[in-house]
Amino acid sequence: MIFPLIPDKIRETKSGAGAVSVDAYVTELTAGGAVAITLADGSKVGQLKKVILDDSAGIATITPATFADGTTAAIAAAIGNYAEFMWVGDAGWRLVGSLNVTVA
């Protein structure tokens, strides 16, 4: 059994493409258009990571370094859409919650 673990740093804000921090539970993302986001491997089994869109300007495509459910998770362009991941160890990140997300 895996228990959820929320990192000590609760929130970060980010504009545009690039890497999101695994040290913050929530990343509030202002995309400003279609963006590519990367997510490094987690550090502890059960660690949670949530990415929420703060604008509706474009799709945010997240590529975790290790993703148990596929290769990418694309969050549709709308305020409040999100993807929430849990680090499950060697298998990588698992998508455990989402609103308007497509996994490929």
PDB file of N, CA and C in Angstrom:
ATOM      1  N   MET A   1       0.838  -1.173   0.000  1.00  0.00           N
ATOM      2  CA  MET A   1       0.000   0.000   0.000  1.00  0.00           C
ATOM      3  C   MET A   1       0.889   1.246   0.000  1.00  0.00           C
ATOM      4  N   ILE A   2       0.497   2.234  -0.798  1.00  0.00           N
ATOM      5  CA  ILE A   2       1.237   3.495  -0.872  1.00  0.00           C
ATOM      6  C   ILE A   2       0.381   4.597  -0.260  1.00  0.00           C
ATOM      7  N   PHE A   3       1.007   5.400   0.604  1.00  0.00           N
ATOM      8  CA  PHE A   3       0.298   6.510   1.225  1.00  0.00           C
ATOM      9  C   PHE A   3       0.725   7.827   0.575  1.00  0.00           C
ATOM     10  N   PRO A   4      -0.228   8.725   0.311  1.00  0.00           N
ATOM     11  CA  PRO A   4       0.109  10.011  -0.304  1.00  0.00           C
ATOM     12  C   PRO A   4       1.029  10.844   0.583  1.00  0.00           C
ATOM     13  N   LEU A   5       1.943  11.560  -0.058  1.00  0.00           N
ATOM     14  CA  LEU A   5       2.903  12.405   0.640  1.00  0.00           C
ATOM     15  C   LEU A   5       2.947  13.757  -0.059  1.00  0.00           C
ATOM     16  N   ILE A   6       2.606  14.812   0.662  1.00  0.00           N
ATOM     17  CA  ILE A   6       2.655  16.162   0.109  1.00  0.00           C
ATOM     18  C   ILE A   6       3.976  16.792   0.514  1.00  0.00           C
ATOM     19  N   PRO A   7       4.751  17.282  -0.483  1.00  0.00           N
ATOM     20  CA  PRO A   7       6.037  17.922  -0.156  1.00  0.00           C
ATOM     21  C   PRO A   7       5.854  19.126   0.769  1.00  0.00           C
ATOM     22  N   ASP A   8       6.938  19.500   1.463  1.00  0.00           N
ATOM     23  CA  ASP A   8       6.877  20.624   2.401  1.00  0.00           C
ATOM     24  C   ASP A   8       6.502  21.936   1.726  1.00  0.00           C
ATOM     25  N   LYS A   9       7.060  22.180   0.544  1.00  0.00           N
ATOM     26  CA  LYS A   9       6.710  23.391  -0.196  1.00  0.00           C
ATOM     27  C   LYS A   9       5.381  23.125  -0.884  1.00  0.00           C
ATOM     28  N   ILE A  10       4.398  23.942  -0.599  1.00  0.00           N
ATOM     29  CA  ILE A  10       3.055  23.681  -1.090  1.00  0.00           C
ATOM     30  C   ILE A  10       2.839  24.155  -2.523  1.00  0.00           C
ATOM     31  N   ARG A  11       3.323  25.349  -2.889  1.00  0.00           N
ATOM     32  CA  ARG A  11       2.916  25.936  -4.160  1.00  0.00           C
ATOM     33  C   ARG A  11       4.064  26.668  -4.843  1.00  0.00           C
ATOM     34  N   GLU A  12       4.040  26.616  -6.166  1.00  0.00           N
ATOM     35  CA  GLU A  12       4.923  27.444  -6.991  1.00  0.00           C
ATOM     36  C   GLU A  12       4.091  27.971  -8.151  1.00  0.00           C
ATOM     37  N   THR A  13       4.523  29.068  -8.725  1.00  0.00           N
ATOM     38  CA  THR A  13       3.884  29.582  -9.934  1.00  0.00           C
ATOM     39  C   THR A  13       4.912  29.528 -11.065  1.00  0.00           C
ATOM     40  N   LYS A  14       4.422  29.299 -12.271  1.00  0.00           N
ATOM     41  CA  LYS A  14       5.303  29.176 -13.431  1.00  0.00           C
ATOM     42  C   LYS A  14       4.619  29.769 -14.640  1.00  0.00           C
ATOM     43  N   SER A  15       5.403  30.450 -15.463  1.00  0.00           N
ATOM     44  CA  SER A  15       4.922  30.966 -16.739  1.00  0.00           C
ATOM     45  C   SER A  15       5.676  30.284 -17.856  1.00  0.00           C
ATOM     46  N   GLY A  16       4.955  29.766 -18.829  1.00  0.00           N
ATOM     47  CA  GLY A  16       5.578  29.201 -20.007  1.00  0.00           C
ATOM     48  C   GLY A  16       6.143  27.810 -19.821  1.00  0.00           C
ATOM     49  N   ALA A  17       6.916  27.402 -20.816  1.00  0.00           N
ATOM     50  CA  ALA A  17       7.454  26.044 -20.882  1.00  0.00           C
ATOM     51  C   ALA A  17       8.622  25.831 -19.931  1.00  0.00           C
ATOM     52  N   GLY A  18       9.000  24.557 -19.763  1.00  0.00           N
ATOM     53  CA  GLY A  18      10.153  24.209 -18.950  1.00  0.00           C
ATOM     54  C   GLY A  18       9.817  23.201 -17.876  1.00  0.00           C
ATOM     55  N   ALA A  19      10.730  23.053 -16.939  1.00  0.00           N
ATOM     56  CA  ALA A  19      10.565  22.075 -15.857  1.00  0.00           C
ATOM     57  C   ALA A  19       9.755  22.645 -14.707  1.00  0.00           C
ATOM     58  N   VAL A  20       8.917  21.796 -14.114  1.00  0.00           N
ATOM     59  CA  VAL A  20       8.223  22.165 -12.880  1.00  0.00           C
ATOM     60  C   VAL A  20       8.952  21.501 -11.722  1.00  0.00           C
ATOM     61  N   SER A  21       8.872  22.099 -10.563  1.00  0.00           N
ATOM     62  CA  SER A  21       9.575  21.600  -9.383  1.00  0.00           C
ATOM     63  C   SER A  21       8.866  20.392  -8.785  1.00  0.00           C
ATOM     64  N   VAL A  22       9.637  19.371  -8.434  1.00  0.00           N
ATOM     65  CA  VAL A  22       9.060  18.242  -7.705  1.00  0.00           C
ATOM     66  C   VAL A  22       9.061  18.530  -6.204  1.00  0.00           C
ATOM     67  N   ASP A  23       9.660  19.655  -5.806  1.00  0.00           N
ATOM     68  CA  ASP A  23       9.709  20.031  -4.391  1.00  0.00           C
ATOM     69  C   ASP A  23       8.468  20.795  -3.944  1.00  0.00           C
ATOM     70  N   ALA A  24       7.609  21.181  -4.884  1.00  0.00           N
ATOM     71  CA  ALA A  24       6.359  21.875  -4.556  1.00  0.00           C
ATOM     72  C   ALA A  24       5.197  20.964  -4.944  1.00  0.00           C
ATOM     73  N   TYR A  25       4.181  20.887  -4.076  1.00  0.00           N
ATOM     74  CA  TYR A  25       3.030  20.040  -4.372  1.00  0.00           C
ATOM     75  C   TYR A  25       2.265  20.558  -5.585  1.00  0.00           C
ATOM     76  N   VAL A  26       1.945  21.855  -5.621  1.00  0.00           N
ATOM     77  CA  VAL A  26       1.134  22.432  -6.691  1.00  0.00           C
ATOM     78  C   VAL A  26       1.959  23.403  -7.519  1.00  0.00           C
ATOM     79  N   THR A  27       1.836  23.290  -8.837  1.00  0.00           N
ATOM     80  CA  THR A  27       2.369  24.295  -9.750  1.00  0.00           C
ATOM     81  C   THR A  27       1.185  24.949 -10.432  1.00  0.00           C
ATOM     82  N   GLU A  28       1.043  26.255 -10.241  1.00  0.00           N
ATOM     83  CA  GLU A  28       0.014  27.029 -10.936  1.00  0.00           C
ATOM     84  C   GLU A  28       0.671  27.553 -12.209  1.00  0.00           C
ATOM     85  N   LEU A  29       0.181  27.099 -13.357  1.00  0.00           N
ATOM     86  CA  LEU A  29       0.830  27.358 -14.632  1.00  0.00           C
ATOM     87  C   LEU A  29       0.055  28.364 -15.467  1.00  0.00           C
ATOM     88  N   THR A  30       0.731  29.445 -15.848  1.00  0.00           N
ATOM     89  CA  THR A  30       0.204  30.374 -16.831  1.00  0.00           C
ATOM     90  C   THR A  30       0.892  30.019 -18.133  1.00  0.00           C
ATOM     91  N   ALA A  31       0.170  29.360 -19.019  1.00  0.00           N
ATOM     92  CA  ALA A  31       0.777  28.813 -20.222  1.00  0.00           C
ATOM     93  C   ALA A  31       1.097  29.893 -21.252  1.00  0.00           C
ATOM     94  N   GLY A  32       0.157  30.800 -21.507  1.00  0.00           N
ATOM     95  CA  GLY A  32       0.369  31.829 -22.512  1.00  0.00           C
ATOM     96  C   GLY A  32       0.351  31.276 -23.926  1.00  0.00           C
ATOM     97  N   GLY A  33      -0.103  30.083 -24.110  1.00  0.00           N
ATOM     98  CA  GLY A  33      -0.107  29.374 -25.392  1.00  0.00           C
ATOM     99  C   GLY A  33       0.242  27.927 -25.127  1.00  0.00           C
ATOM    100  N   ALA A  34       0.325  27.134 -26.171  1.00  0.00           N
ATOM    101  CA  ALA A  34       0.692  25.724 -25.998  1.00  0.00           C
ATOM    102  C   ALA A  34       2.111  25.630 -25.446  1.00  0.00           C
ATOM    103  N   VAL A  35       2.299  24.831 -24.388  1.00  0.00           N
ATOM    104  CA  VAL A  35       3.617  24.707 -23.754  1.00  0.00           C
ATOM    105  C   VAL A  35       3.968  23.248 -23.478  1.00  0.00           C
ATOM    106  N   ALA A  36       5.264  22.998 -23.444  1.00  0.00           N
ATOM    107  CA  ALA A  36       5.792  21.680 -23.079  1.00  0.00           C
ATOM    108  C   ALA A  36       6.418  21.800 -21.693  1.00  0.00           C
ATOM    109  N   ILE A  37       5.988  20.922 -20.795  1.00  0.00           N
ATOM    110  CA  ILE A  37       6.438  20.920 -19.404  1.00  0.00           C
ATOM    111  C   ILE A  37       7.124  19.588 -19.125  1.00  0.00           C
ATOM    112  N   THR A  38       8.214  19.622 -18.367  1.00  0.00           N
ATOM    113  CA  THR A  38       8.854  18.380 -17.956  1.00  0.00           C
ATOM    114  C   THR A  38       8.716  18.211 -16.441  1.00  0.00           C
ATOM    115  N   LEU A  39       8.687  16.952 -16.020  1.00  0.00           N
ATOM    116  CA  LEU A  39       8.550  16.605 -14.610  1.00  0.00           C
ATOM    117  C   LEU A  39       9.603  15.555 -14.273  1.00  0.00           C
ATOM    118  N   ALA A  40      10.554  15.925 -13.430  1.00  0.00           N
ATOM    119  CA  ALA A  40      11.618  14.999 -13.027  1.00  0.00           C
ATOM    120  C   ALA A  40      11.046  13.884 -12.157  1.00  0.00           C
ATOM    121  N   ASP A  41      11.823  12.838 -11.975  1.00  0.00           N
ATOM    122  CA  ASP A  41      11.407  11.745 -11.098  1.00  0.00           C
ATOM    123  C   ASP A  41      11.207  12.252  -9.679  1.00  0.00           C
ATOM    124  N   GLY A  42      10.269  11.620  -8.967  1.00  0.00           N
ATOM    125  CA  GLY A  42      10.028  11.959  -7.578  1.00  0.00           C
ATOM    126  C   GLY A  42      11.145  11.466  -6.682  1.00  0.00           C
ATOM    127  N   SER A  43      11.087  11.871  -5.410  1.00  0.00           N
ATOM    128  CA  SER A  43      12.143  11.479  -4.480  1.00  0.00           C
ATOM    129  C   SER A  43      11.678  10.491  -3.420  1.00  0.00           C
ATOM    130  N   LYS A  44      10.358  10.397  -3.204  1.00  0.00           N
ATOM    131  CA  LYS A  44       9.826   9.481  -2.191  1.00  0.00           C
ATOM    132  C   LYS A  44       8.555   8.832  -2.714  1.00  0.00           C
ATOM    133  N   VAL A  45       8.410   7.547  -2.481  1.00  0.00           N
ATOM    134  CA  VAL A  45       7.198   6.844  -2.873  1.00  0.00           C
ATOM    135  C   VAL A  45       6.000   7.494  -2.173  1.00  0.00           C
ATOM    136  N   GLY A  46       4.963   7.785  -2.948  1.00  0.00           N
ATOM    137  CA  GLY A  46       3.765   8.429  -2.414  1.00  0.00           C
ATOM    138  C   GLY A  46       3.740   9.931  -2.648  1.00  0.00           C
ATOM    139  N   GLN A  47       4.865  10.494  -3.084  1.00  0.00           N
ATOM    140  CA  GLN A  47       4.951  11.938  -3.336  1.00  0.00           C
ATOM    141  C   GLN A  47       3.912  12.356  -4.373  1.00  0.00           C
ATOM    142  N   LEU A  48       3.223  13.468  -4.110  1.00  0.00           N
ATOM    143  CA  LEU A  48       2.207  13.987  -5.017  1.00  0.00           C
ATOM    144  C   LEU A  48       2.702  15.228  -5.741  1.00  0.00           C
ATOM    145  N   LYS A  49       2.221  15.405  -6.969  1.00  0.00           N
ATOM    146  CA  LYS A  49       2.524  16.593  -7.776  1.00  0.00           C
ATOM    147  C   LYS A  49       1.283  16.940  -8.584  1.00  0.00           C
ATOM    148  N   LYS A  50       0.843  18.205  -8.481  1.00  0.00           N
ATOM    149  CA  LYS A  50      -0.350  18.660  -9.197  1.00  0.00           C
ATOM    150  C   LYS A  50       0.004  19.888 -10.028  1.00  0.00           C
ATOM    151  N   VAL A  51      -0.400  19.889 -11.301  1.00  0.00           N
ATOM    152  CA  VAL A  51      -0.204  21.030 -12.187  1.00  0.00           C
ATOM    153  C   VAL A  51      -1.594  21.538 -12.582  1.00  0.00           C
ATOM    154  N   ILE A  52      -1.846  22.823 -12.300  1.00  0.00           N
ATOM    155  CA  ILE A  52      -3.147  23.446 -12.568  1.00  0.00           C
ATOM    156  C   ILE A  52      -2.958  24.594 -13.550  1.00  0.00           C
ATOM    157  N   LEU A  53      -3.832  24.670 -14.569  1.00  0.00           N
ATOM    158  CA  LEU A  53      -3.772  25.792 -15.511  1.00  0.00           C
ATOM    159  C   LEU A  53      -4.444  27.027 -14.923  1.00  0.00           C
ATOM    160  N   ASP A  54      -3.737  28.147 -15.024  1.00  0.00           N
ATOM    161  CA  ASP A  54      -4.258  29.435 -14.557  1.00  0.00           C
ATOM    162  C   ASP A  54      -4.786  30.301 -15.689  1.00  0.00           C
ATOM    163  N   ASP A  55      -4.675  29.806 -16.929  1.00  0.00           N
ATOM    164  CA  ASP A  55      -5.225  30.549 -18.056  1.00  0.00           C
ATOM    165  C   ASP A  55      -5.782  29.560 -19.071  1.00  0.00           C
ATOM    166  N   SER A  56      -6.372  30.069 -20.116  1.00  0.00           N
ATOM    167  CA  SER A  56      -6.975  29.195 -21.119  1.00  0.00           C
ATOM    168  C   SER A  56      -6.345  29.424 -22.486  1.00  0.00           C
ATOM    169  N   ALA A  57      -5.075  29.827 -22.496  1.00  0.00           N
ATOM    170  CA  ALA A  57      -4.423  30.211 -23.748  1.00  0.00           C
ATOM    171  C   ALA A  57      -3.894  29.031 -24.555  1.00  0.00           C
ATOM    172  N   GLY A  58      -3.673  27.887 -23.936  1.00  0.00           N
ATOM    173  CA  GLY A  58      -3.135  26.765 -24.705  1.00  0.00           C
ATOM    174  C   GLY A  58      -3.010  25.491 -23.896  1.00  0.00           C
ATOM    175  N   ILE A  59      -2.808  24.403 -24.600  1.00  0.00           N
ATOM    176  CA  ILE A  59      -2.645  23.084 -23.988  1.00  0.00           C
ATOM    177  C   ILE A  59      -1.268  23.001 -23.325  1.00  0.00           C
ATOM    178  N   ALA A  60      -1.215  22.421 -22.135  1.00  0.00           N
ATOM    179  CA  ALA A  60       0.050  22.168 -21.450  1.00  0.00           C
ATOM    180  C   ALA A  60       0.323  20.668 -21.537  1.00  0.00           C
ATOM    181  N   THR A  61       1.394  20.302 -22.215  1.00  0.00           N
ATOM    182  CA  THR A  61       1.766  18.897 -22.352  1.00  0.00           C
ATOM    183  C   THR A  61       2.900  18.585 -21.391  1.00  0.00           C
ATOM    184  N   ILE A  62       2.614  17.689 -20.445  1.00  0.00           N
ATOM    185  CA  ILE A  62       3.579  17.321 -19.412  1.00  0.00           C
ATOM    186  C   ILE A  62       4.241  16.006 -19.796  1.00  0.00           C
ATOM    187  N   THR A  63       5.567  16.010 -19.755  1.00  0.00           N
ATOM    188  CA  THR A  63       6.333  14.795 -20.033  1.00  0.00           C
ATOM    189  C   THR A  63       7.130  14.430 -18.786  1.00  0.00           C
ATOM    190  N   PRO A  64       6.618  13.478 -17.999  1.00  0.00           N
ATOM    191  CA  PRO A  64       7.387  13.016 -16.835  1.00  0.00           C
ATOM    192  C   PRO A  64       8.615  12.230 -17.290  1.00  0.00           C
ATOM    193  N   ALA A  65       9.692  12.315 -16.525  1.00  0.00           N
ATOM    194  CA  ALA A  65      10.907  11.551 -16.830  1.00  0.00           C
ATOM    195  C   ALA A  65      10.598  10.058 -16.867  1.00  0.00           C
ATOM    196  N   THR A  66       9.794   9.586 -15.924  1.00  0.00           N
ATOM    197  CA  THR A  66       9.335   8.198 -15.870  1.00  0.00           C
ATOM    198  C   THR A  66       7.837   8.231 -15.607  1.00  0.00           C
ATOM    199  N   PHE A  67       7.041   7.684 -16.545  1.00  0.00           N
ATOM    200  CA  PHE A  67       5.578   7.793 -16.466  1.00  0.00           C
ATOM    201  C   PHE A  67       4.975   6.402 -16.624  1.00  0.00           C
ATOM    202  N   ALA A  68       4.371   5.890 -15.575  1.00  0.00           N
ATOM    203  CA  ALA A  68       3.802   4.544 -15.579  1.00  0.00           C
ATOM    204  C   ALA A  68       2.596   4.411 -16.498  1.00  0.00           C
ATOM    205  N   ASP A  69       1.923   5.527 -16.813  1.00  0.00           N
ATOM    206  CA  ASP A  69       0.667   5.470 -17.558  1.00  0.00           C
ATOM    207  C   ASP A  69       0.807   5.784 -19.043  1.00  0.00           C
ATOM    208  N   GLY A  70       1.990   6.118 -19.506  1.00  0.00           N
ATOM    209  CA  GLY A  70       2.163   6.459 -20.915  1.00  0.00           C
ATOM    210  C   GLY A  70       3.432   7.254 -21.112  1.00  0.00           C
ATOM    211  N   THR A  71       3.360   8.257 -21.999  1.00  0.00           N
ATOM    212  CA  THR A  71       4.514   9.097 -22.289  1.00  0.00           C
ATOM    213  C   THR A  71       4.259  10.542 -21.884  1.00  0.00           C
ATOM    214  N   THR A  72       3.048  11.043 -22.184  1.00  0.00           N
ATOM    215  CA  THR A  72       2.694  12.423 -21.867  1.00  0.00           C
ATOM    216  C   THR A  72       1.287  12.522 -21.298  1.00  0.00           C
ATOM    217  N   ALA A  73       1.038  13.644 -20.617  1.00  0.00           N
ATOM    218  CA  ALA A  73      -0.304  13.992 -20.150  1.00  0.00           C
ATOM    219  C   ALA A  73      -0.556  15.421 -20.623  1.00  0.00           C
ATOM    220  N   ALA A  74      -1.574  15.615 -21.467  1.00  0.00           N
ATOM    221  CA  ALA A  74      -1.879  16.927 -22.026  1.00  0.00           C
ATOM    222  C   ALA A  74      -3.111  17.509 -21.342  1.00  0.00           C
ATOM    223  N   ILE A  75      -2.939  18.673 -20.704  1.00  0.00           N
ATOM    224  CA  ILE A  75      -4.040  19.349 -20.016  1.00  0.00           C
ATOM    225  C   ILE A  75      -4.703  20.296 -21.010  1.00  0.00           C
ATOM    226  N   ALA A  76      -6.008  20.114 -21.236  1.00  0.00           N
ATOM    227  CA  ALA A  76      -6.749  20.961 -22.171  1.00  0.00           C
ATOM    228  C   ALA A  76      -6.768  22.405 -21.692  1.00  0.00           C
ATOM    229  N   ALA A  77      -6.824  23.325 -22.652  1.00  0.00           N
ATOM    230  CA  ALA A  77      -6.748  24.761 -22.375  1.00  0.00           C
ATOM    231  C   ALA A  77      -8.038  25.286 -21.753  1.00  0.00           C
ATOM    232  N   ALA A  78      -8.058  25.398 -20.437  1.00  0.00           N
ATOM    233  CA  ALA A  78      -9.164  26.009 -19.692  1.00  0.00           C
ATOM    234  C   ALA A  78      -8.705  26.227 -18.260  1.00  0.00           C
ATOM    235  N   ILE A  79      -9.067  27.352 -17.704  1.00  0.00           N
ATOM    236  CA  ILE A  79      -8.700  27.668 -16.322  1.00  0.00           C
ATOM    237  C   ILE A  79      -9.237  26.587 -15.390  1.00  0.00           C
ATOM    238  N   GLY A  80      -8.387  26.088 -14.510  1.00  0.00           N
ATOM    239  CA  GLY A  80      -8.791  25.100 -13.515  1.00  0.00           C
ATOM    240  C   GLY A  80      -8.555  23.659 -13.921  1.00  0.00           C
ATOM    241  N   ASN A  81      -8.294  23.403 -15.202  1.00  0.00           N
ATOM    242  CA  ASN A  81      -7.962  22.027 -15.596  1.00  0.00           C
ATOM    243  C   ASN A  81      -6.641  21.640 -14.929  1.00  0.00           C
ATOM    244  N   TYR A  82      -6.497  20.350 -14.585  1.00  0.00           N
ATOM    245  CA  TYR A  82      -5.304  19.945 -13.845  1.00  0.00           C
ATOM    246  C   TYR A  82      -4.950  18.482 -14.091  1.00  0.00           C
ATOM    247  N   ALA A  83      -3.717  18.159 -13.742  1.00  0.00           N
ATOM    248  CA  ALA A  83      -3.250  16.773 -13.703  1.00  0.00           C
ATOM    249  C   ALA A  83      -2.554  16.584 -12.363  1.00  0.00           C
ATOM    250  N   GLU A  84      -2.881  15.503 -11.670  1.00  0.00           N
ATOM    251  CA  GLU A  84      -2.237  15.196 -10.392  1.00  0.00           C
ATOM    252  C   GLU A  84      -1.578  13.829 -10.495  1.00  0.00           C
ATOM    253  N   PHE A  85      -0.311  13.784 -10.103  1.00  0.00           N
ATOM    254  CA  PHE A  85       0.502  12.589 -10.214  1.00  0.00           C
ATOM    255  C   PHE A  85       0.946  12.110  -8.830  1.00  0.00           C
ATOM    256  N   MET A  86       1.213  10.800  -8.729  1.00  0.00           N
ATOM    257  CA  MET A  86       1.820  10.223  -7.527  1.00  0.00           C
ATOM    258  C   MET A  86       3.041   9.425  -7.960  1.00  0.00           C
ATOM    259  N   TRP A  87       4.156   9.630  -7.246  1.00  0.00           N
ATOM    260  CA  TRP A  87       5.374   8.878  -7.512  1.00  0.00           C
ATOM    261  C   TRP A  87       5.244   7.503  -6.869  1.00  0.00           C
ATOM    262  N   VAL A  88       5.346   6.443  -7.671  1.00  0.00           N
ATOM    263  CA  VAL A  88       5.176   5.083  -7.141  1.00  0.00           C
ATOM    264  C   VAL A  88       6.473   4.287  -7.169  1.00  0.00           C
ATOM    265  N   GLY A  89       7.586   4.976  -7.301  1.00  0.00           N
ATOM    266  CA  GLY A  89       8.882   4.307  -7.270  1.00  0.00           C
ATOM    267  C   GLY A  89       9.386   3.991  -8.665  1.00  0.00           C
ATOM    268  N   ASP A  90       9.941   2.792  -8.842  1.00  0.00           N
ATOM    269  CA  ASP A  90      10.567   2.415 -10.108  1.00  0.00           C
ATOM    270  C   ASP A  90       9.637   2.541 -11.309  1.00  0.00           C
ATOM    271  N   ALA A  91       8.340   2.360 -11.115  1.00  0.00           N
ATOM    272  CA  ALA A  91       7.380   2.479 -12.223  1.00  0.00           C
ATOM    273  C   ALA A  91       7.183   3.932 -12.638  1.00  0.00           C
ATOM    274  N   GLY A  92       7.533   4.871 -11.778  1.00  0.00           N
ATOM    275  CA  GLY A  92       7.445   6.296 -12.116  1.00  0.00           C
ATOM    276  C   GLY A  92       6.225   6.993 -11.551  1.00  0.00           C
ATOM    277  N   TRP A  93       5.813   8.041 -12.251  1.00  0.00           N
ATOM    278  CA  TRP A  93       4.626   8.814 -11.861  1.00  0.00           C
ATOM    279  C   TRP A  93       3.376   8.116 -12.381  1.00  0.00           C
ATOM    280  N   ARG A  94       2.314   8.140 -11.590  1.00  0.00           N
ATOM    281  CA  ARG A  94       0.989   7.662 -12.002  1.00  0.00           C
ATOM    282  C   ARG A  94       0.046   8.840 -11.966  1.00  0.00           C
ATOM    283  N   LEU A  95      -0.830   8.931 -12.946  1.00  0.00           N
ATOM    284  CA  LEU A  95      -1.864   9.956 -12.950  1.00  0.00           C
ATOM    285  C   LEU A  95      -2.963   9.495 -12.002  1.00  0.00           C
ATOM    286  N   VAL A  96      -3.180  10.233 -10.907  1.00  0.00           N
ATOM    287  CA  VAL A  96      -4.160   9.801  -9.898  1.00  0.00           C
ATOM    288  C   VAL A  96      -5.372  10.719  -9.829  1.00  0.00           C
ATOM    289  N   GLY A  97      -5.325  11.844 -10.534  1.00  0.00           N
ATOM    290  CA  GLY A  97      -6.463  12.749 -10.581  1.00  0.00           C
ATOM    291  C   GLY A  97      -6.293  13.699 -11.750  1.00  0.00           C
ATOM    292  N   SER A  98      -7.418  14.087 -12.359  1.00  0.00           N
ATOM    293  CA  SER A  98      -7.299  14.999 -13.496  1.00  0.00           C
ATOM    294  C   SER A  98      -8.646  15.604 -13.859  1.00  0.00           C
ATOM    295  N   LEU A  99      -8.566  16.698 -14.587  1.00  0.00           N
ATOM    296  CA  LEU A  99      -9.748  17.330 -15.183  1.00  0.00           C
ATOM    297  C   LEU A  99      -9.342  17.728 -16.586  1.00  0.00           C
ATOM    298  N   ASN A 100      -9.950  17.094 -17.587  1.00  0.00           N
ATOM    299  CA  ASN A 100      -9.704  17.359 -19.007  1.00  0.00           C
ATOM    300  C   ASN A 100      -8.244  17.132 -19.395  1.00  0.00           C
ATOM    301  N   VAL A 101      -7.772  15.915 -19.122  1.00  0.00           N
ATOM    302  CA  VAL A 101      -6.403  15.515 -19.447  1.00  0.00           C
ATOM    303  C   VAL A 101      -6.433  14.305 -20.376  1.00  0.00           C
ATOM    304  N   THR A 102      -5.567  14.323 -21.383  1.00  0.00           N
ATOM    305  CA  THR A 102      -5.427  13.204 -22.304  1.00  0.00           C
ATOM    306  C   THR A 102      -4.043  12.592 -22.125  1.00  0.00           C
ATOM    307  N   VAL A 103      -4.010  11.284 -21.869  1.00  0.00           N
ATOM    308  CA  VAL A 103      -2.738  10.582 -21.703  1.00  0.00           C
ATOM    309  C   VAL A 103      -2.394   9.880 -23.013  1.00  0.00           C
ATOM    310  N   ALA A 104      -1.143  10.022 -23.402  1.00  0.00           N
ATOM    311  CA  ALA A 104      -0.689   9.350 -24.635  1.00  0.00           C
ATOM    312  C   ALA A 104       0.584   8.563 -24.332  1.00  0.00           C
TER     313      ALA A 104
END
